């Protein structure tokens, strides 16, 4: 495999012991990383000892009001001269030493691939429902998704997660990069632009990170509200596909799985959480018709509206 200069970019906010494990595993990757660029929100919560322990780190501090899901990542890309940009979140723990190599390889071997994203495995303590959602969204089989798959996959064609995703810098720039302002979903917005430009998004199932959350129904509501807002603000991407069908498929598949495993008592929880997701998503899609105070209650990202 030919080599490319790779930089890892991680936005952080109050990183703790969990993040130190991420840095430790990144420092042991078989594929060389030239730099780990940290876009840290609020310097007072940063541990300067990490810069001494991990010499690959380059840290940029910003205020909370300056952070933006799209803009901050866009700024980091502008600072980098790497061939491939790997974006991660502070809680995405590499499963092994092969993460970066398995993530980068398809971008080097497939001319059409503009981005690749990793498989997310459930962490210990992950709920039964969330474990199944992980397996639904991140199956064992890798795949390249292109414009030709839109009629078959719909919204899943654009699916890409910055929990752990790599982008060819050249394709990133040709596609316009991350939006300067984004409430959420900046990864799928960029993936959509790449698809429209004729590039593909590769799901690198061999590249694995441990990452999951046990969100409450209210947390799911807030997340999906912001997801709906992001889609409403980018009709040039999401206007061409529908999201509801994929959500219904997930609920139906999960319900069948619960019945198969004899865990019928989890059905009410599935219906409640799914209802919270749907209500949040529909509210976000219609945010322009809602009072400002209600929007601020519904959103997960209040700084975006201020």
Protein backbone atom coordinates (compact mmCIF):
# COMPACT_ATOMS: atom_id res chain seq x y z
CA UNK A 1 0.00 0.00 0.00
CA UNK A 2 1.41 3.38 -1.00
CA UNK A 3 1.83 5.85 1.84
CA UNK A 4 0.03 9.14 2.33
CA UNK A 5 0.49 11.85 4.94
CA UNK A 6 -2.28 11.39 7.50
CA UNK A 7 -3.45 13.85 10.13
CA UNK A 8 -5.99 13.10 12.85
CA UNK A 9 -8.29 15.95 13.90
CA UNK A 10 -10.27 15.76 17.16
CA UNK A 11 -12.59 18.46 18.54
CA UNK A 12 -12.60 18.20 22.35
CA UNK A 13 -14.59 19.62 25.24
CA UNK A 14 -13.62 18.83 28.83
CA UNK A 15 -11.66 15.70 27.81
CA UNK A 16 -10.86 13.29 30.62
CA UNK A 17 -9.43 9.85 31.33
CA UNK A 18 -11.41 8.33 28.46
CA UNK A 19 -9.68 10.68 26.01
CA UNK A 20 -6.23 9.74 27.31
CA UNK A 21 -6.95 6.13 26.30
CA UNK A 22 -7.80 7.38 22.80
CA UNK A 23 -4.46 9.22 22.57
CA UNK A 24 -2.57 6.19 23.86
CA UNK A 25 -4.05 3.90 21.20
CA UNK A 26 -3.57 6.44 18.42
CA UNK A 27 0.10 6.72 19.35
CA UNK A 28 0.49 2.97 18.75
CA UNK A 29 -1.09 2.78 15.29
CA UNK A 30 0.79 0.74 12.68
CA UNK A 31 0.05 3.27 9.94
CA UNK A 32 2.03 6.44 10.73
CA UNK A 33 0.19 9.57 11.84
CA UNK A 34 2.02 12.82 11.19
CA UNK A 35 -0.01 14.97 13.59
CA UNK A 36 -2.96 14.82 15.97
CA UNK A 37 -4.59 18.25 15.78
CA UNK A 38 -6.82 19.06 18.75
CA UNK A 39 -9.50 21.74 18.46
CA UNK A 40 -10.19 22.18 22.16
CA UNK A 41 -13.09 24.19 23.55
CA UNK A 42 -12.28 26.04 26.80
CA UNK A 43 -8.56 25.91 27.67
CA UNK A 44 -9.20 25.68 31.43
CA UNK A 45 -10.37 22.08 31.03
CA UNK A 46 -7.33 20.96 29.00
CA UNK A 47 -4.54 18.89 30.57
CA UNK A 48 -1.19 20.30 29.27
CA UNK A 49 0.60 17.14 30.43
CA UNK A 50 -0.81 15.33 27.38
CA UNK A 51 1.29 17.53 25.08
CA UNK A 52 4.42 16.34 26.87
CA UNK A 53 3.36 12.68 26.81
CA UNK A 54 2.15 12.62 23.19
CA UNK A 55 4.50 14.71 20.97
CA UNK A 56 2.22 14.35 17.92
CA UNK A 57 -0.31 16.70 19.53
CA UNK A 58 -0.90 20.21 18.25
CA UNK A 59 -3.54 22.00 20.32
CA UNK A 60 -5.72 24.96 19.33
CA UNK A 61 -7.94 26.47 22.02
CA UNK A 62 -11.23 28.24 21.38
CA UNK A 63 -14.11 29.64 23.38
CA UNK A 64 -17.38 27.76 23.69
CA UNK A 65 -19.24 30.37 21.65
CA UNK A 66 -16.66 29.97 18.85
CA UNK A 67 -17.23 26.24 18.41
CA UNK A 68 -19.30 25.05 15.47
CA UNK A 69 -19.77 21.46 14.30
CA UNK A 70 -18.94 22.41 10.73
CA UNK A 71 -16.88 25.58 11.10
CA UNK A 72 -14.41 24.25 13.66
CA UNK A 73 -13.68 21.16 11.58
CA UNK A 74 -13.39 23.35 8.49
CA UNK A 75 -10.84 25.58 10.25
CA UNK A 76 -8.80 22.53 11.21
CA UNK A 77 -8.79 21.29 7.61
CA UNK A 78 -7.51 24.69 6.47
CA UNK A 79 -4.57 24.40 8.87
CA UNK A 80 -3.57 20.97 7.59
CA UNK A 81 -1.26 20.07 4.71
CA UNK A 82 -1.93 16.32 5.00
CA UNK A 83 -3.12 14.13 2.11
CA UNK A 84 -5.80 12.49 4.26
CA UNK A 85 -7.74 14.03 7.14
CA UNK A 86 -9.05 11.63 9.78
CA UNK A 87 -11.75 13.15 11.97
CA UNK A 88 -12.60 11.56 15.29
CA UNK A 89 -14.55 12.39 18.43
CA UNK A 90 -12.89 12.38 21.84
CA UNK A 91 -14.78 9.24 22.93
CA UNK A 92 -14.05 7.07 19.86
CA UNK A 93 -11.63 4.44 21.15
CA UNK A 94 -9.59 2.61 18.47
CA UNK A 95 -10.15 -1.14 18.86
CA UNK A 96 -6.63 -2.03 17.78
CA UNK A 97 -3.43 -0.83 16.07
CA UNK A 98 -4.88 -1.29 12.58
CA UNK A 99 -7.61 1.38 12.74
CA UNK A 100 -5.84 4.11 10.73
CA UNK A 101 -4.43 1.69 8.16
CA UNK A 102 -7.82 0.04 7.57
CA UNK A 103 -9.50 3.43 7.32
CA UNK A 104 -6.95 4.90 4.91
CA UNK A 105 -6.38 1.85 2.68
CA UNK A 106 -9.61 2.11 0.64
CA UNK A 107 -8.93 5.79 -0.08
CA UNK A 108 -5.53 4.90 -1.51
CA UNK A 109 -6.72 1.87 -3.45
CA UNK A 110 -10.03 3.23 -4.82
CA UNK A 111 -9.79 6.31 -6.99
CA UNK A 112 -13.53 6.95 -6.71
CA UNK A 113 -13.63 6.85 -2.90
CA UNK A 114 -13.56 10.37 -1.43
CA UNK A 115 -14.22 9.40 2.18
CA UNK A 116 -14.31 6.33 4.39
CA UNK A 117 -15.81 5.80 7.83
CA UNK A 118 -15.23 3.24 10.56
CA UNK A 119 -17.41 0.61 12.12
CA UNK A 120 -18.67 1.52 15.60
CA UNK A 121 -18.79 -1.28 18.16
CA UNK A 122 -20.77 -1.06 21.41
CA UNK A 123 -18.87 -0.28 24.59
CA UNK A 124 -19.25 -2.36 27.74
CA UNK A 125 -22.48 -1.43 29.48
CA UNK A 126 -24.22 -0.62 26.22
CA UNK A 127 -27.96 -1.32 26.39
CA UNK A 128 -29.48 -4.21 24.43
CA UNK A 129 -31.41 -1.86 22.14
CA UNK A 130 -28.38 0.33 21.44
CA UNK A 131 -26.25 -2.75 20.69
CA UNK A 132 -28.73 -3.77 18.01
CA UNK A 133 -28.85 -0.24 16.58
CA UNK A 134 -25.04 -0.37 16.27
CA UNK A 135 -25.23 -3.66 14.35
CA UNK A 136 -27.97 -2.22 12.10
CA UNK A 137 -26.04 0.92 11.21
CA UNK A 138 -22.59 -0.69 11.22
CA UNK A 139 -22.77 -4.22 9.79
CA UNK A 140 -19.84 -6.58 9.22
CA UNK A 141 -19.73 -6.19 5.44
CA UNK A 142 -17.85 -3.21 3.90
CA UNK A 143 -19.38 -1.27 1.00
CA UNK A 144 -18.73 1.61 -1.40
CA UNK A 145 -21.74 3.90 -1.85
CA UNK A 146 -22.09 6.12 -4.93
CA UNK A 147 -24.71 8.22 -6.72
CA UNK A 148 -25.94 5.04 -8.44
CA UNK A 149 -27.07 3.70 -5.03
CA UNK A 150 -29.48 6.55 -4.27
CA UNK A 151 -32.56 4.73 -5.59
CA UNK A 152 -31.64 1.60 -3.59
CA UNK A 153 -30.23 3.02 -0.36
CA UNK A 154 -31.88 6.43 -0.13
CA UNK A 155 -30.58 8.49 2.80
CA UNK A 156 -28.12 5.71 3.73
CA UNK A 157 -26.11 6.65 0.63
CA UNK A 158 -25.03 9.80 2.46
CA UNK A 159 -24.39 8.07 5.77
CA UNK A 160 -20.94 8.85 7.16
CA UNK A 161 -19.92 9.48 10.76
CA UNK A 162 -17.25 11.86 12.04
CA UNK A 163 -17.02 9.69 15.13
CA UNK A 164 -14.27 8.23 12.95
CA UNK A 165 -14.03 9.13 9.27
CA UNK A 166 -11.24 9.85 6.77
CA UNK A 167 -11.33 12.27 3.83
CA UNK A 168 -9.02 12.72 0.87
CA UNK A 169 -7.95 16.35 1.24
CA UNK A 170 -8.15 16.95 -2.52
CA UNK A 171 -11.70 15.59 -2.76
CA UNK A 172 -12.67 17.42 0.44
CA UNK A 173 -11.64 20.74 -1.16
CA UNK A 174 -13.27 20.00 -4.53
CA UNK A 175 -16.51 19.24 -2.70
CA UNK A 176 -16.47 22.53 -0.77
CA UNK A 177 -15.47 21.10 2.61
CA UNK A 178 -17.56 21.19 5.77
CA UNK A 179 -20.18 23.94 6.00
CA UNK A 180 -19.00 27.08 7.81
CA UNK A 181 -22.00 26.85 10.10
CA UNK A 182 -23.75 23.60 11.00
CA UNK A 183 -25.87 22.68 13.99
CA UNK A 184 -25.14 18.97 13.51
CA UNK A 185 -24.77 16.35 10.78
CA UNK A 186 -21.79 18.05 9.10
CA UNK A 187 -20.45 14.64 8.09
CA UNK A 188 -23.51 13.66 6.05
CA UNK A 189 -23.72 17.14 4.51
CA UNK A 190 -20.16 16.77 3.21
CA UNK A 191 -20.78 13.17 2.15
CA UNK A 192 -23.83 14.32 0.19
CA UNK A 193 -21.75 16.93 -1.63
CA UNK A 194 -19.13 14.30 -2.46
CA UNK A 195 -21.79 11.94 -3.80
CA UNK A 196 -23.20 14.72 -5.99
CA UNK A 197 -19.69 15.40 -7.33
CA UNK A 198 -19.44 11.76 -8.44
CA UNK A 199 -17.28 10.41 -5.62
CA UNK A 200 -18.04 7.47 -3.36
CA UNK A 201 -18.30 7.00 0.41
CA UNK A 202 -16.67 3.80 1.64
CA UNK A 203 -17.84 1.99 4.76
CA UNK A 204 -14.61 0.48 6.12
CA UNK A 205 -15.99 -2.30 8.32
CA UNK A 206 -12.45 -3.50 9.07
CA UNK A 207 -11.63 -0.16 10.75
CA UNK A 208 -13.20 -0.41 14.19
CA UNK A 209 -13.75 1.99 17.08
CA UNK A 210 -15.55 1.36 20.35
CA UNK A 211 -18.25 3.99 20.68
CA UNK A 212 -21.82 3.98 21.97
CA UNK A 213 -24.20 5.93 24.22
CA UNK A 214 -27.23 4.96 26.28
CA UNK A 215 -29.31 8.06 25.53
CA UNK A 216 -32.57 8.77 27.32
CA UNK A 217 -35.73 9.46 25.34
CA UNK A 218 -35.34 13.20 25.93
CA UNK A 219 -31.73 13.14 24.76
CA UNK A 220 -32.82 11.29 21.61
CA UNK A 221 -35.46 13.99 21.07
CA UNK A 222 -32.88 16.80 21.29
CA UNK A 223 -30.39 15.01 19.00
CA UNK A 224 -33.00 14.27 16.38
CA UNK A 225 -34.37 17.80 16.55
CA UNK A 226 -30.94 19.10 15.53
CA UNK A 227 -30.72 16.37 12.89
CA UNK A 228 -34.02 17.59 11.45
CA UNK A 229 -32.81 21.21 11.51
CA UNK A 230 -29.66 20.25 9.59
CA UNK A 231 -31.71 18.53 6.91
CA UNK A 232 -34.15 21.44 6.66
CA UNK A 233 -31.23 23.85 6.20
CA UNK A 234 -29.67 21.76 3.42
CA UNK A 235 -32.45 20.86 0.98
CA UNK A 236 -29.87 20.73 -1.82
CA UNK A 237 -28.63 17.51 -0.19
CA UNK A 238 -31.51 16.00 1.73
CA UNK A 239 -34.34 17.20 -0.50
CA UNK A 240 -33.55 14.43 -2.95
CA UNK A 241 -34.09 11.56 -0.47
CA UNK A 242 -36.42 10.67 2.40
CA UNK A 243 -35.21 9.78 5.91
CA UNK A 244 -38.42 8.43 7.42
CA UNK A 245 -38.27 5.10 5.59
CA UNK A 246 -34.90 4.18 7.07
CA UNK A 247 -36.14 5.02 10.57
CA UNK A 248 -39.22 2.84 10.14
CA UNK A 249 -37.04 -0.01 8.89
CA UNK A 250 -34.81 0.24 11.97
CA UNK A 251 -37.83 0.11 14.33
CA UNK A 252 -39.37 -2.84 12.49
CA UNK A 253 -36.11 -4.80 12.37
CA UNK A 254 -35.42 -4.10 16.05
CA UNK A 255 -38.93 -5.23 17.04
CA UNK A 256 -38.50 -8.50 15.11
CA UNK A 257 -35.12 -9.03 16.78
CA UNK A 258 -36.61 -8.48 20.25
CA UNK A 259 -39.35 -11.02 19.54
CA UNK A 260 -36.81 -13.50 18.21
CA UNK A 261 -34.68 -13.15 21.35
CA UNK A 262 -37.70 -13.35 23.65
CA UNK A 263 -37.17 -9.84 25.05
CA UNK A 264 -40.77 -8.69 24.60
CA UNK A 265 -40.58 -6.45 27.69
CA UNK A 266 -38.22 -4.14 25.76
CA UNK A 267 -40.84 -3.33 23.11
CA UNK A 268 -42.38 -0.42 25.10
CA UNK A 269 -38.90 1.10 25.50
CA UNK A 270 -38.29 0.71 21.76
CA UNK A 271 -41.59 2.41 20.92
CA UNK A 272 -40.97 5.23 23.42
CA UNK A 273 -37.44 5.97 22.19
CA UNK A 274 -38.52 5.71 18.56
CA UNK A 275 -41.38 8.12 19.25
CA UNK A 276 -38.96 10.60 20.85
CA UNK A 277 -36.66 10.38 17.83
CA UNK A 278 -39.53 10.88 15.39
CA UNK A 279 -41.06 13.83 17.25
CA UNK A 280 -37.66 15.50 17.56
CA UNK A 281 -36.87 14.95 13.91
CA UNK A 282 -40.22 16.27 12.67
CA UNK A 283 -39.94 19.27 14.98
CA UNK A 284 -36.47 20.06 13.66
CA UNK A 285 -37.62 19.79 10.06
CA UNK A 286 -40.34 22.35 10.86
CA UNK A 287 -38.25 24.60 13.15
CA UNK A 288 -39.05 27.77 11.16
CA UNK A 289 -42.68 27.48 12.23
CA UNK A 290 -41.86 27.17 15.92
CA UNK A 291 -41.53 29.99 18.51
CA UNK A 292 -37.94 30.91 19.35
CA UNK A 293 -38.23 29.83 22.99
CA UNK A 294 -39.53 26.41 21.95
CA UNK A 295 -36.66 25.98 19.49
CA UNK A 296 -34.17 26.72 22.30
CA UNK A 297 -35.85 24.10 24.49
CA UNK A 298 -35.84 21.49 21.72
CA UNK A 299 -32.26 21.93 20.53
CA UNK A 300 -29.17 20.15 21.84
CA UNK A 301 -26.93 22.99 20.64
CA UNK A 302 -28.14 26.28 22.14
CA UNK A 303 -24.96 28.15 21.13
CA UNK A 304 -25.90 27.65 17.47
CA UNK A 305 -28.99 29.86 17.84
CA UNK A 306 -27.25 32.65 19.76
